[in-house]
Amino acid sequence: MDPSTPQGRILVVDDEVQTAHTIEHMARHFGYDVVVAGSVEAAIQRFAESSFDVVLTDVQLGRRNGFDLLRHILQRAPRSRWC
């Protein structure tokens, strides 16, 4: 595989900056293109701007949570799988 071609795109959503950057660093090390969002609102904006193979989100994100984001994603992309 060409090392300049990403394995896939990951959206990391976490309001704890250090946690988000640790996950970002690890995923990039394994060849993934990573976008970080610090809130549900920022993640919704990133999701509207681009497509992702994986969304990795924290559950507790301030006033909103990862399940709010999941509902939004499933409304826009109903064929998405989640676990």
Protein backbone atom coordinates (compact mmCIF):
# COMPACT_ATOMS: atom_id res chain seq x y z
CA MET A 1 0.00 0.00 0.00
CA ASP A 2 1.14 3.52 -0.78
CA PRO A 3 2.07 5.20 2.55
CA SER A 4 0.88 8.56 1.21
CA THR A 5 -2.66 7.17 0.78
CA PRO A 6 -4.63 7.29 4.04
CA GLN A 7 -6.16 4.09 5.43
CA GLY A 8 -9.40 6.01 5.92
CA ARG A 9 -10.84 9.13 7.52
CA ILE A 10 -11.64 9.36 11.21
CA LEU A 11 -13.58 12.09 13.00
CA VAL A 12 -12.49 12.23 16.66
CA VAL A 13 -14.94 14.07 18.93
CA ASP A 14 -13.81 14.85 22.47
CA ASP A 15 -13.92 18.00 24.59
CA GLU A 16 -10.78 16.92 26.44
CA VAL A 17 -8.04 18.29 24.20
CA GLN A 18 -5.29 15.97 25.43
CA THR A 19 -7.44 12.87 24.87
CA ALA A 20 -8.42 14.00 21.38
CA HIS A 21 -4.82 14.72 20.42
CA THR A 22 -3.60 11.39 21.80
CA ILE A 23 -6.16 9.52 19.69
CA GLU A 24 -5.32 11.70 16.69
CA HIS A 25 -1.60 10.98 17.06
CA MET A 26 -2.16 7.21 17.36
CA ALA A 27 -4.50 7.07 14.37
CA ARG A 28 -2.14 9.13 12.20
CA HIS A 29 0.71 6.80 13.20
CA PHE A 30 -1.32 3.93 11.69
CA GLY A 31 -1.94 5.85 8.48
CA TYR A 32 -5.37 7.40 9.01
CA ASP A 33 -6.43 10.91 8.05
CA VAL A 34 -7.87 12.45 11.24
CA VAL A 35 -10.11 15.43 11.92
CA VAL A 36 -10.70 16.53 15.53
CA ALA A 37 -13.80 18.28 16.87
CA GLY A 38 -14.15 19.50 20.44
CA SER A 39 -17.94 19.59 20.62
CA VAL A 40 -21.08 18.10 19.12
CA GLU A 41 -21.66 21.35 17.22
CA ALA A 42 -18.15 21.29 15.74
CA ALA A 43 -18.53 17.61 14.83
CA ILE A 44 -21.84 18.30 13.04
CA GLN A 45 -20.09 21.04 11.05
CA ARG A 46 -17.17 18.73 10.12
CA PHE A 47 -19.64 15.97 9.18
CA ALA A 48 -21.48 18.42 6.89
CA GLU A 49 -18.22 19.42 5.21
CA SER A 50 -16.79 15.97 4.57
CA SER A 51 -17.35 12.23 4.83
CA PHE A 52 -15.74 9.90 7.35
CA ASP A 53 -15.20 6.18 7.56
CA VAL A 54 -15.32 6.24 11.37
CA VAL A 55 -16.62 8.67 13.97
CA LEU A 56 -15.08 8.11 17.38
CA THR A 57 -16.87 10.17 20.02
CA ASP A 58 -16.83 10.67 23.75
CA VAL A 59 -20.22 10.25 25.43
CA GLN A 60 -20.12 13.30 27.69
CA LEU A 61 -19.45 16.47 25.70
CA GLY A 62 -20.63 19.42 27.78
CA ARG A 63 -24.33 20.23 27.40
CA ARG A 64 -24.75 17.71 24.57
CA ASN A 65 -23.45 14.18 24.25
CA GLY A 66 -22.22 11.57 21.81
CA PHE A 67 -25.74 10.14 21.45
CA ASP A 68 -26.96 13.54 20.18
CA LEU A 69 -24.25 13.32 17.54
CA LEU A 70 -25.18 9.72 16.71
CA ARG A 71 -28.82 10.73 16.16
CA HIS A 72 -27.72 13.55 13.87
CA ILE A 73 -25.47 11.25 11.83
CA LEU A 74 -28.18 8.59 11.49
CA GLN A 75 -30.65 11.21 10.25
CA ARG A 76 -28.23 12.33 7.54
CA ALA A 77 -26.73 8.94 6.74
CA PRO A 78 -29.30 6.30 7.72
CA ARG A 79 -27.21 3.44 6.31
CA SER A 80 -24.45 4.13 8.83
CA ARG A 81 -23.55 1.32 11.16
CA TRP A 82 -22.80 1.99 14.80
CA CYS A 83 -21.61 0.09 17.84
